[in-house]
Amino acid sequence: MAGKSAGDPRCRVQAAGLSTRTAAPILGGMKPTAVDEFLQLLRFPSISTSPEHRGAVAECGRWLTAKLAGMGLDAELHPTEGHPIVVARNRHQPGRRTVLIYGHYDVQPVDPVELWESPPFEPRITGDIVFARGATDNKGQIFAHVCGVEETLQRAGDLPVNLIFLIEGEEEVGSSNLEPFLQKHREALRCDVIAVSDTGMVAPGVPTLTYGLRGVAALEVRVHGPSTDLHSGIFGGAVANPLTALSRLVAGLHDDAGRVLIPGFYDAVTPLAPWEREAWGRLPIGDADMQQLTGVPALFGEAGYTSLERVWGRPTAEVNGIGGGFQGKGTKTVIGREGFAKLTFRLVPEQKPEAILEAARADLLRRAPAGVRVEVELGHYGEPYLTDPHSADGQAAQRALEKTFGRKTALIREGGSIPIINTFSRVLGADTLLLGLALPDCRAHAPNENFPLANFEAGIRLNQALLEELARGKA
């Protein structure tokens, strides 16, 4: 999921009110069985990165397949070299548009588990909020679409479009088996447009259409020095310290104002359009909200841009981890033999991940100090994504959002990355509509992940409005 964060008081766990079912006013028009089944789905510890949970991931996929088949869809669980992919469809009819709805049923690990205020796979409802791993990312959002389709089928006996559900079990580990699956089943998965709810809303109750995502590129740099740790008294001053060298390399990635110093880093960056900056400036969130949300003493970043503009529309270089030498309590007077740093770059449209990685590697090797050996290992990457929110389908999505929430749609980009979105465009030739239901602080990837039942219910209505609006386009 893109744009994942933690820390907003409105989503924090309250002390009381533990239950597995909410009162009728919270449910609104939802059937109680929808909530019950949502909680069942959340109980599967479908952690895709964990070998010991492989069986639970497969079991979750089987549960979803049975659910979709029980709704009257043609549903099948497809094995892959990793975790299985669920595909379901209604009876396709000529002359109707084909809509593919994508989501994922795998979840992140729960560490640090001691910070959870209730067991992560024993979902509970406090007030109108469901707390569990996967509640927002992505089980709540995708299951709202499932329930929306189910209600339409029960009420009307058919859907206004040819529908394909594609729900995978490897999004949290990079979707490595999804592209080969798309290539193999390209014709069966042909569609006019793709809908994804794995993004967020700018604020509670504000319908949000995301039309751009930043790309991502990762690397690890290691600085090697002596063949073993050395006594810092006996050898200090005679050899280069790898940790000092690493610190200089990392510090040299930015200037004092936060601008990335890698040569050529900004060459392909497309400036933000004036309408984007104007629209984002009108949103009900700003720098003060960002500071409060993150809990930092002051915001920091590239000069000349607001915090939203930096996060949504500007590229970055970030240090995700750094280490080496003695890490225990107290003091140990050593010169560590090596140090490492893990870096990722968030990229904007027109930046090519491969080119950025090569430029970063060349820069790190060029700046390597004497007396150490620098090694750079390139990691995973994904392309940035940008589509036109004013296209016919973009306008259809905005109408559906406004019908659901009763307010004008916020048009945004997001700072996170969903690399598979570009794969959909390349392999299936279809654009993707990103209609988020996650609040700005749903704690996705963090302890106490949560999803409001109000958003779950809104997602059911959004699915129904979206399929109706998309059905009016040209097949």
Protein backbone atom coordinates (compact mmCIF):
# COMPACT_ATOMS: atom_id res chain seq x y z
CA MET A 1 0.00 0.00 0.00
CA ALA A 2 1.08 3.45 -0.84
CA GLY A 3 1.28 6.36 1.63
CA LYS A 4 1.34 4.41 4.89
CA SER A 5 1.75 6.23 8.18
CA ALA A 6 1.13 6.08 11.92
CA GLY A 7 0.47 8.30 14.91
CA ASP A 8 -2.86 10.15 14.50
CA PRO A 9 -4.86 10.28 17.75
CA ARG A 10 -8.16 9.67 15.92
CA CYS A 11 -7.06 6.13 15.07
CA ARG A 12 -5.45 5.23 18.37
CA VAL A 13 -6.72 2.35 20.44
CA GLN A 14 -9.14 3.24 23.19
CA ALA A 15 -9.03 1.48 26.51
CA ALA A 16 -12.48 -0.05 26.52
CA GLY A 17 -15.21 -1.33 24.26
CA LEU A 18 -13.65 -4.61 23.14
CA SER A 19 -16.12 -6.53 21.03
CA THR A 20 -16.41 -8.53 17.86
CA ARG A 21 -19.55 -6.79 16.64
CA THR A 22 -20.62 -3.17 16.63
CA ALA A 23 -24.02 -1.72 17.36
CA ALA A 24 -26.52 -1.27 14.55
CA PRO A 25 -26.02 2.53 14.22
CA ILE A 26 -22.37 1.92 13.35
CA LEU A 27 -23.27 -0.63 10.72
CA GLY A 28 -25.68 1.69 8.95
CA GLY A 29 -26.92 -0.12 5.85
CA MET A 30 -24.38 -2.93 6.10
CA LYS A 31 -25.48 -6.46 6.74
CA PRO A 32 -24.02 -7.85 9.98
CA THR A 33 -22.69 -10.82 7.99
CA ALA A 34 -20.42 -8.43 6.05
CA VAL A 35 -18.71 -7.37 9.28
CA ASP A 36 -18.58 -10.95 10.57
CA GLU A 37 -16.90 -12.13 7.37
CA PHE A 38 -14.52 -9.19 7.40
CA LEU A 39 -13.39 -10.26 10.88
CA GLN A 40 -12.99 -13.85 9.64
CA LEU A 41 -10.73 -12.63 6.86
CA LEU A 42 -8.64 -10.65 9.34
CA ARG A 43 -8.02 -13.72 11.50
CA PHE A 44 -5.81 -15.33 8.86
CA PRO A 45 -2.13 -14.56 9.70
CA SER A 46 -1.35 -14.24 5.97
CA ILE A 47 2.17 -12.82 6.36
CA SER A 48 3.68 -13.38 2.93
CA THR A 49 7.28 -12.71 3.90
CA SER A 50 7.27 -15.39 6.62
CA PRO A 51 7.95 -19.03 5.60
CA GLU A 52 6.23 -20.32 8.71
CA HIS A 53 3.01 -18.57 7.64
CA ARG A 54 2.97 -20.01 4.14
CA GLY A 55 0.10 -22.33 5.02
CA ALA A 56 -1.92 -19.48 6.48
CA VAL A 57 -1.47 -17.42 3.32
CA ALA A 58 -2.73 -20.31 1.19
CA GLU A 59 -5.65 -20.90 3.56
CA CYS A 60 -6.61 -17.23 3.30
CA GLY A 61 -6.54 -17.49 -0.50
CA ARG A 62 -8.80 -20.55 -0.37
CA TRP A 63 -11.23 -18.73 1.94
CA LEU A 64 -11.47 -15.79 -0.46
CA THR A 65 -11.94 -18.10 -3.44
CA ALA A 66 -14.78 -19.91 -1.68
CA LYS A 67 -16.37 -16.59 -0.71
CA LEU A 68 -16.32 -15.30 -4.30
CA ALA A 69 -17.61 -18.61 -5.66
CA GLY A 70 -20.42 -18.56 -3.10
CA MET A 71 -21.48 -15.18 -4.50
CA GLY A 72 -22.07 -16.78 -7.89
CA LEU A 73 -18.81 -15.78 -9.52
CA ASP A 74 -16.54 -18.14 -11.43
CA ALA A 75 -13.65 -18.21 -8.94
CA GLU A 76 -10.32 -20.03 -9.09
CA LEU A 77 -7.19 -20.12 -6.94
CA HIS A 78 -4.12 -20.10 -9.18
CA PRO A 79 -0.86 -21.47 -7.74
CA THR A 80 2.39 -19.65 -8.44
CA GLU A 81 6.00 -20.27 -7.47
CA GLY A 82 5.18 -18.21 -4.39
CA HIS A 83 1.72 -17.54 -2.96
CA PRO A 84 -1.49 -18.16 -4.93
CA ILE A 85 -3.55 -15.63 -6.87
CA VAL A 86 -7.34 -15.46 -6.64
CA VAL A 87 -9.22 -14.69 -9.87
CA ALA A 88 -13.00 -14.42 -10.09
CA ARG A 89 -15.36 -13.16 -12.77
CA ASN A 90 -19.02 -12.85 -13.58
CA ARG A 91 -20.57 -14.06 -16.85
CA HIS A 92 -19.07 -11.72 -19.42
CA GLN A 93 -21.38 -10.32 -22.07
CA PRO A 94 -20.49 -8.62 -25.38
CA GLY A 95 -20.92 -4.86 -25.48
CA ARG A 96 -20.25 -4.29 -21.80
CA ARG A 97 -17.11 -2.71 -20.41
CA THR A 98 -14.69 -4.91 -18.50
CA VAL A 99 -13.47 -3.68 -15.12
CA LEU A 100 -10.68 -5.41 -13.21
CA ILE A 101 -10.56 -4.84 -9.44
CA TYR A 102 -7.17 -5.57 -7.88
CA GLY A 103 -6.21 -6.08 -4.27
CA HIS A 104 -4.05 -8.24 -2.04
CA TYR A 105 -4.78 -10.55 0.88
CA ASP A 106 -1.24 -10.83 2.26
CA VAL A 107 -0.15 -8.63 5.15
CA GLN A 108 2.96 -7.25 6.79
CA PRO A 109 4.71 -8.86 9.78
CA VAL A 110 3.43 -7.71 13.17
CA ASP A 111 6.73 -6.76 14.83
CA PRO A 112 7.13 -5.19 17.31
CA VAL A 113 4.29 -7.30 18.68
CA GLU A 114 4.69 -5.89 22.22
CA LEU A 115 3.37 -2.52 20.98
CA TRP A 116 0.03 -4.00 19.92
CA GLU A 117 -2.74 -3.27 22.40
CA SER A 118 -4.61 -6.40 21.33
CA PRO A 119 -3.46 -9.52 19.44
CA PRO A 120 -2.92 -8.53 15.78
CA PHE A 121 -4.87 -11.49 14.37
CA GLU A 122 -7.70 -11.37 16.90
CA PRO A 123 -9.65 -8.44 15.41
CA ARG A 124 -11.61 -6.27 17.78
CA ILE A 125 -13.90 -3.31 17.35
CA THR A 126 -13.57 -0.27 19.60
CA GLY A 127 -16.18 2.34 18.89
CA ASP A 128 -16.49 2.10 15.12
CA ILE A 129 -12.88 1.11 14.40
CA VAL A 130 -11.58 -2.38 13.64
CA PHE A 131 -8.08 -3.11 14.94
CA ALA A 132 -6.08 -5.94 13.32
CA ARG A 133 -3.14 -6.50 11.01
CA GLY A 134 -4.43 -6.09 7.46
CA ALA A 135 -7.51 -4.12 8.52
CA THR A 136 -6.65 -1.35 6.07
CA ASP A 137 -3.77 -2.84 4.10
CA ASN A 138 -5.48 -4.34 2.20
CA LYS A 139 -8.15 -6.68 3.50
CA GLY A 140 -10.64 -3.99 4.55
CA GLN A 141 -10.40 -2.07 1.30
CA ILE A 142 -10.59 -5.04 -1.07
CA PHE A 143 -13.28 -6.83 0.95
CA ALA A 144 -15.47 -3.72 0.75
CA HIS A 145 -15.40 -4.17 -3.03
CA VAL A 146 -16.26 -7.85 -2.62
CA CYS A 147 -19.23 -6.99 -0.43
CA GLY A 148 -20.34 -4.27 -2.84
CA VAL A 149 -20.44 -6.77 -5.70
CA GLU A 150 -22.24 -9.31 -3.52
CA GLU A 151 -24.97 -6.84 -2.59
CA THR A 152 -25.47 -5.85 -6.24
CA LEU A 153 -25.75 -9.48 -7.32
CA GLN A 154 -28.24 -10.23 -4.56
CA ARG A 155 -30.33 -7.16 -5.40
CA ALA A 156 -30.16 -7.11 -9.22
CA GLY A 157 -28.98 -10.59 -10.17
CA ASP A 158 -26.26 -9.12 -12.40
CA LEU A 159 -23.59 -6.44 -12.60
CA PRO A 160 -23.55 -3.48 -15.03
CA VAL A 161 -20.06 -4.47 -16.25
CA ASN A 162 -17.96 -7.50 -17.04
CA LEU A 163 -16.02 -7.88 -13.79
CA ILE A 164 -12.70 -9.49 -12.92
CA PHE A 165 -11.39 -9.73 -9.36
CA LEU A 166 -7.63 -10.28 -9.14
CA ILE A 167 -6.46 -10.62 -5.53
CA GLU A 168 -2.86 -11.69 -4.93
CA GLY A 169 -0.89 -12.94 -1.95
CA GLU A 170 2.51 -11.35 -2.60
CA GLU A 171 2.05 -7.56 -2.73
CA GLU A 172 3.94 -7.06 0.51
CA VAL A 173 6.95 -8.95 -0.88
CA GLY A 174 7.12 -7.28 -4.27
CA SER A 175 4.58 -9.20 -6.41
CA SER A 176 7.37 -11.11 -8.14
CA ASN A 177 5.03 -13.76 -9.53
CA LEU A 178 2.24 -11.45 -10.63
CA GLU A 179 3.79 -10.16 -13.86
CA PRO A 180 4.50 -13.67 -15.21
CA PHE A 181 0.89 -14.54 -14.31
CA LEU A 182 -0.39 -11.47 -16.18
CA GLN A 183 1.73 -12.33 -19.20
CA LYS A 184 0.46 -15.91 -19.24
CA HIS A 185 -3.21 -14.92 -18.84
CA ARG A 186 -3.05 -11.64 -20.74
CA GLU A 187 -6.07 -12.32 -22.96
CA ALA A 188 -8.25 -13.65 -20.15
CA LEU A 189 -7.46 -10.56 -18.07
CA ARG A 190 -7.97 -7.97 -20.81
CA CYS A 191 -9.97 -5.06 -19.45
CA ASP A 192 -10.94 -1.47 -20.15
CA VAL A 193 -9.95 -0.05 -16.77
CA ILE A 194 -8.55 -1.20 -13.43
CA ALA A 195 -9.75 -0.10 -9.99
CA VAL A 196 -7.55 -0.33 -6.90
CA SER A 197 -8.31 0.68 -3.32
CA ASP A 198 -4.88 0.41 -1.72
CA THR A 199 -4.32 4.13 -1.19
CA GLY A 200 -5.64 6.73 1.22
CA MET A 201 -7.96 9.66 1.80
CA VAL A 202 -6.55 13.09 2.57
CA ALA A 203 -8.86 13.45 5.58
CA PRO A 204 -11.89 11.71 7.08
CA GLY A 205 -14.91 12.02 4.81
CA VAL A 206 -12.96 13.60 1.94
CA PRO A 207 -13.27 11.48 -1.23
CA THR A 208 -9.85 11.09 -2.79
CA LEU A 209 -8.67 10.02 -6.24
CA THR A 210 -4.95 9.35 -6.49
CA TYR A 211 -3.64 9.87 -10.02
CA GLY A 212 0.08 9.55 -9.38
CA LEU A 213 2.49 7.43 -7.36
CA ARG A 214 6.18 7.84 -6.79
CA GLY A 215 8.49 5.10 -7.96
CA VAL A 216 11.09 3.47 -5.76
CA ALA A 217 14.66 2.25 -6.18
CA ALA A 218 16.76 0.59 -3.48
CA LEU A 219 20.43 -0.11 -2.87
CA GLU A 220 22.80 -1.05 -0.07
CA VAL A 221 26.25 0.45 0.35
CA ARG A 222 28.96 -1.30 2.38
CA VAL A 223 32.22 0.27 3.42
CA HIS A 224 35.01 -2.23 4.17
CA GLY A 225 38.15 -1.40 6.13
CA PRO A 226 40.44 -3.71 8.14
CA SER A 227 40.06 -7.47 7.92
CA THR A 228 38.80 -7.57 11.53
CA ASP A 229 37.69 -5.17 14.24
CA LEU A 230 40.70 -3.30 15.66
CA HIS A 231 41.58 -1.86 19.06
CA SER A 232 40.90 1.86 18.68
CA GLY A 233 43.77 2.78 20.97
CA ILE A 234 46.41 0.64 19.29
CA PHE A 235 45.31 1.33 15.71
CA GLY A 236 43.30 4.57 15.90
CA GLY A 237 44.96 7.20 13.70
CA ALA A 238 46.78 4.62 11.61
CA VAL A 239 43.82 3.30 9.56
CA ALA A 240 40.69 4.79 8.07
CA ASN A 241 37.54 4.15 10.09
CA PRO A 242 34.86 2.56 7.83
CA LEU A 243 32.04 4.03 9.94
CA THR A 244 33.42 7.54 9.60
CA ALA A 245 33.79 7.03 5.87
CA LEU A 246 30.23 5.69 5.64
CA SER A 247 28.89 8.66 7.60
CA ARG A 248 30.54 11.05 5.16
CA LEU A 249 29.12 9.18 2.19
CA VAL A 250 25.61 9.29 3.62
CA ALA A 251 25.88 12.94 4.67
CA GLY A 252 27.04 13.82 1.16
CA LEU A 253 23.77 12.67 -0.40
CA HIS A 254 22.10 16.03 0.43
CA ASP A 255 22.98 19.66 0.85
CA ASP A 256 22.01 21.52 4.00
CA ALA A 257 18.58 22.36 2.54
CA GLY A 258 17.73 18.73 1.75
CA ARG A 259 18.34 18.81 -2.00
CA VAL A 260 19.86 15.59 -3.38
CA LEU A 261 23.45 16.09 -4.62
CA ILE A 262 23.80 13.03 -6.86
CA PRO A 263 24.83 14.36 -10.30
CA GLY A 264 21.94 14.17 -12.78
CA PHE A 265 19.38 13.25 -10.11
CA TYR A 266 16.90 15.98 -11.15
CA ASP A 267 17.58 15.97 -14.91
CA ALA A 268 14.37 14.13 -15.89
CA VAL A 269 12.08 15.55 -13.21
CA THR A 270 8.88 17.09 -14.62
CA PRO A 271 7.82 20.22 -12.71
CA LEU A 272 4.48 20.20 -10.95
CA ALA A 273 1.66 21.66 -13.04
CA PRO A 274 0.25 24.97 -11.77
CA TRP A 275 -3.22 23.41 -11.38
CA GLU A 276 -1.76 20.72 -9.13
CA ARG A 277 -0.07 23.17 -6.78
CA GLU A 278 -3.23 25.25 -6.65
CA ALA A 279 -5.47 22.22 -5.99
CA TRP A 280 -3.18 20.78 -3.32
CA GLY A 281 -2.99 24.17 -1.61
CA ARG A 282 -6.78 24.08 -1.16
CA LEU A 283 -6.81 20.69 0.56
CA PRO A 284 -7.84 20.53 4.24
CA ILE A 285 -4.34 19.45 5.27
CA GLY A 286 -1.09 21.35 5.25
CA ASP A 287 2.31 21.79 6.86
CA ALA A 288 0.92 22.18 10.38
CA ASP A 289 -1.03 18.93 10.04
CA MET A 290 2.05 17.15 8.73
CA GLN A 291 4.08 18.31 11.69
CA GLN A 292 1.42 17.24 14.17
CA LEU A 293 0.90 13.90 12.41
CA THR A 294 4.59 13.01 12.45
CA GLY A 295 5.43 14.45 15.86
CA VAL A 296 8.62 16.12 14.60
CA PRO A 297 9.86 19.38 16.18
CA ALA A 298 10.01 21.01 12.72
CA LEU A 299 9.44 20.06 9.09
CA PHE A 300 12.42 19.77 6.78
CA GLY A 301 12.86 19.30 3.06
CA GLU A 302 13.67 20.73 -0.34
CA ALA A 303 13.27 24.52 -0.34
CA GLY A 304 10.49 26.11 -2.35
CA TYR A 305 7.87 23.39 -1.80
CA THR A 306 5.20 22.61 0.75
CA SER A 307 5.40 19.31 2.60
CA LEU A 308 2.61 17.85 0.43
CA GLU A 309 4.42 18.92 -2.74
CA ARG A 310 7.63 17.32 -1.50
CA VAL A 311 5.91 14.05 -0.60
CA TRP A 312 3.69 13.76 -3.67
CA GLY A 313 5.62 15.46 -6.43
CA ARG A 314 9.35 15.63 -5.68
CA PRO A 315 12.01 12.89 -5.60
CA THR A 316 13.95 11.97 -2.49
CA ALA A 317 16.90 9.97 -1.21
CA GLU A 318 16.37 8.34 2.18
CA VAL A 319 18.50 6.32 4.58
CA ASN A 320 16.35 3.41 5.77
CA GLY A 321 18.96 1.70 7.91
CA ILE A 322 22.55 2.16 8.97
CA GLY A 323 24.88 0.06 11.10
CA GLY A 324 28.29 -1.35 11.90
CA GLY A 325 30.72 -1.60 14.79
CA PHE A 326 29.75 -2.14 18.41
CA GLN A 327 26.01 -1.87 19.12
CA GLY A 328 25.77 -3.13 22.71
CA LYS A 329 25.40 -1.24 25.97
CA GLY A 330 28.34 0.65 27.37
CA THR A 331 31.60 1.24 25.52
CA LYS A 332 33.80 -1.01 23.47
CA THR A 333 36.84 0.75 22.05
CA VAL A 334 37.00 -0.73 18.56
CA ILE A 335 37.31 0.38 14.97
CA GLY A 336 34.66 -1.69 13.22
CA ARG A 337 35.80 -3.59 10.16
CA GLU A 338 32.80 -2.49 8.07
CA GLY A 339 29.63 -0.44 8.01
CA PHE A 340 26.51 -0.46 5.87
CA ALA A 341 23.61 1.75 4.91
CA LYS A 342 20.36 0.84 3.18
CA LEU A 343 19.04 3.54 0.85
CA THR A 344 15.87 4.05 -1.15
CA PHE A 345 15.01 6.73 -3.67
CA ARG A 346 11.42 7.82 -4.25
CA LEU A 347 11.06 8.89 -7.85
CA VAL A 348 8.62 11.04 -9.81
CA PRO A 349 7.34 10.69 -13.39
CA GLU A 350 10.02 10.59 -16.11
CA GLN A 351 12.73 9.46 -13.68
CA LYS A 352 13.98 5.98 -14.58
CA PRO A 353 14.84 3.78 -11.58
CA GLU A 354 17.69 1.98 -13.35
CA ALA A 355 19.29 5.30 -14.31
CA ILE A 356 18.95 6.68 -10.78
CA LEU A 357 20.50 3.56 -9.27
CA GLU A 358 23.46 3.72 -11.63
CA ALA A 359 23.93 7.43 -10.91
CA ALA A 360 23.81 6.76 -7.15
CA ARG A 361 26.30 3.92 -7.41
CA ALA A 362 28.69 6.04 -9.47
CA ASP A 363 28.40 8.90 -6.99
CA LEU A 364 29.09 6.70 -3.95
CA LEU A 365 32.07 5.03 -5.58
CA ARG A 366 33.45 8.38 -6.77
CA ARG A 367 33.28 9.83 -3.26
CA ALA A 368 34.83 6.79 -1.57
CA PRO A 369 37.59 8.02 0.81
CA ALA A 370 41.10 6.60 0.74
CA GLY A 371 41.81 3.64 2.98
CA VAL A 372 38.43 1.89 2.57
CA ARG A 373 36.71 -0.20 -0.09
CA VAL A 374 33.14 0.74 -1.05
CA GLU A 375 30.75 -1.87 -2.40
CA VAL A 376 27.27 -0.99 -3.76
CA GLU A 377 24.59 -3.64 -4.24
CA LEU A 378 21.58 -2.55 -6.31
CA GLY A 379 18.17 -3.71 -5.09
CA HIS A 380 14.54 -3.74 -6.22
CA TYR A 381 12.86 -0.90 -8.05
CA GLY A 382 9.49 0.18 -9.43
CA GLU A 383 8.46 2.84 -11.92
CA PRO A 384 6.52 5.97 -10.93
CA TYR A 385 2.94 6.18 -12.19
CA LEU A 386 0.91 9.09 -13.51
CA THR A 387 -2.43 9.16 -15.27
CA ASP A 388 -4.87 11.91 -16.27
CA PRO A 389 -7.53 12.44 -13.59
CA HIS A 390 -9.58 14.42 -16.11
CA SER A 391 -9.98 11.49 -18.52
CA ALA A 392 -13.44 9.98 -19.04
CA ASP A 393 -12.75 7.21 -16.55
CA GLY A 394 -11.13 9.66 -14.15
CA GLN A 395 -14.27 11.78 -14.22
CA ALA A 396 -16.41 8.65 -13.74
CA ALA A 397 -14.36 7.80 -10.65
CA GLN A 398 -14.81 11.32 -9.30
CA ARG A 399 -18.59 11.11 -9.77
CA ALA A 400 -18.67 7.78 -7.92
CA LEU A 401 -16.59 9.18 -5.07
CA GLU A 402 -18.74 12.29 -4.79
CA LYS A 403 -21.92 10.20 -4.86
CA THR A 404 -20.50 8.07 -2.03
CA PHE A 405 -19.16 10.79 0.25
CA GLY A 406 -21.29 13.79 -0.75
CA ARG A 407 -18.29 16.09 -1.25
CA LYS A 408 -16.03 17.26 -4.05
CA THR A 409 -13.19 14.84 -4.81
CA ALA A 410 -9.63 15.69 -3.83
CA LEU A 411 -7.19 14.97 -6.66
CA ILE A 412 -3.81 13.97 -5.31
CA ARG A 413 -0.64 12.05 -5.92
CA GLU A 414 0.82 9.85 -3.21
CA GLY A 415 4.37 9.48 -2.00
CA GLY A 416 4.34 5.70 -1.78
CA SER A 417 4.81 3.17 -4.53
CA ILE A 418 2.69 0.37 -6.01
CA PRO A 419 5.00 -0.99 -8.73
CA ILE A 420 2.39 -3.39 -10.09
CA ILE A 421 0.33 -0.42 -11.36
CA ASN A 422 2.87 0.22 -14.11
CA THR A 423 2.93 -3.49 -14.88
CA PHE A 424 -0.83 -3.41 -15.42
CA SER A 425 -0.40 -0.55 -17.88
CA ARG A 426 2.43 -2.28 -19.73
CA VAL A 427 0.96 -5.79 -19.89
CA LEU A 428 -2.79 -5.22 -19.97
CA GLY A 429 -2.77 -1.79 -21.62
CA ALA A 430 -5.23 -0.32 -19.12
CA ASP A 431 -5.09 2.69 -16.82
CA THR A 432 -5.68 2.33 -13.10
CA LEU A 433 -8.05 4.31 -10.89
CA LEU A 434 -6.77 4.58 -7.32
CA LEU A 435 -9.73 5.15 -5.01
CA GLY A 436 -8.44 5.10 -1.44
CA LEU A 437 -10.41 4.35 1.71
CA ALA A 438 -7.56 4.49 4.25
CA LEU A 439 -7.39 7.41 6.65
CA PRO A 440 -4.14 9.38 6.85
CA ASP A 441 -3.18 7.49 9.97
CA CYS A 442 -4.46 3.93 9.73
CA ARG A 443 -1.16 2.60 11.13
CA ALA A 444 -0.60 0.35 8.13
CA HIS A 445 2.67 -1.58 8.55
CA ALA A 446 2.71 -0.49 12.21
CA PRO A 447 1.26 -1.82 15.48
CA ASN A 448 -2.47 -1.26 16.02
CA GLU A 449 -3.38 -1.08 12.33
CA ASN A 450 -7.02 -0.09 12.01
CA PHE A 451 -9.91 0.62 9.66
CA PRO A 452 -13.14 2.51 10.49
CA LEU A 453 -16.33 0.58 9.81
CA ALA A 454 -17.70 3.80 8.34
CA ASN A 455 -15.05 3.56 5.61
CA PHE A 456 -15.78 -0.13 5.11
CA GLU A 457 -19.45 0.68 4.58
CA ALA A 458 -18.55 3.60 2.31
CA GLY A 459 -16.34 1.25 0.28
CA ILE A 460 -19.32 -1.02 -0.36
CA ARG A 461 -21.32 1.91 -1.70
CA LEU A 462 -18.32 3.21 -3.65
CA ASN A 463 -17.97 -0.11 -5.46
CA GLN A 464 -21.58 0.01 -6.57
CA ALA A 465 -21.43 3.63 -7.70
CA LEU A 466 -18.13 3.07 -9.49
CA LEU A 467 -19.34 0.10 -11.53
CA GLU A 468 -22.45 2.03 -12.53
CA GLU A 469 -20.43 5.06 -13.62
CA LEU A 470 -17.80 3.03 -15.50
CA ALA A 471 -20.52 1.06 -17.29
CA ARG A 472 -21.55 4.26 -19.09
CA GLY A 473 -18.22 4.55 -20.89
CA LYS A 474 -17.44 3.11 -24.29
CA ALA A 475 -16.80 -0.63 -24.34
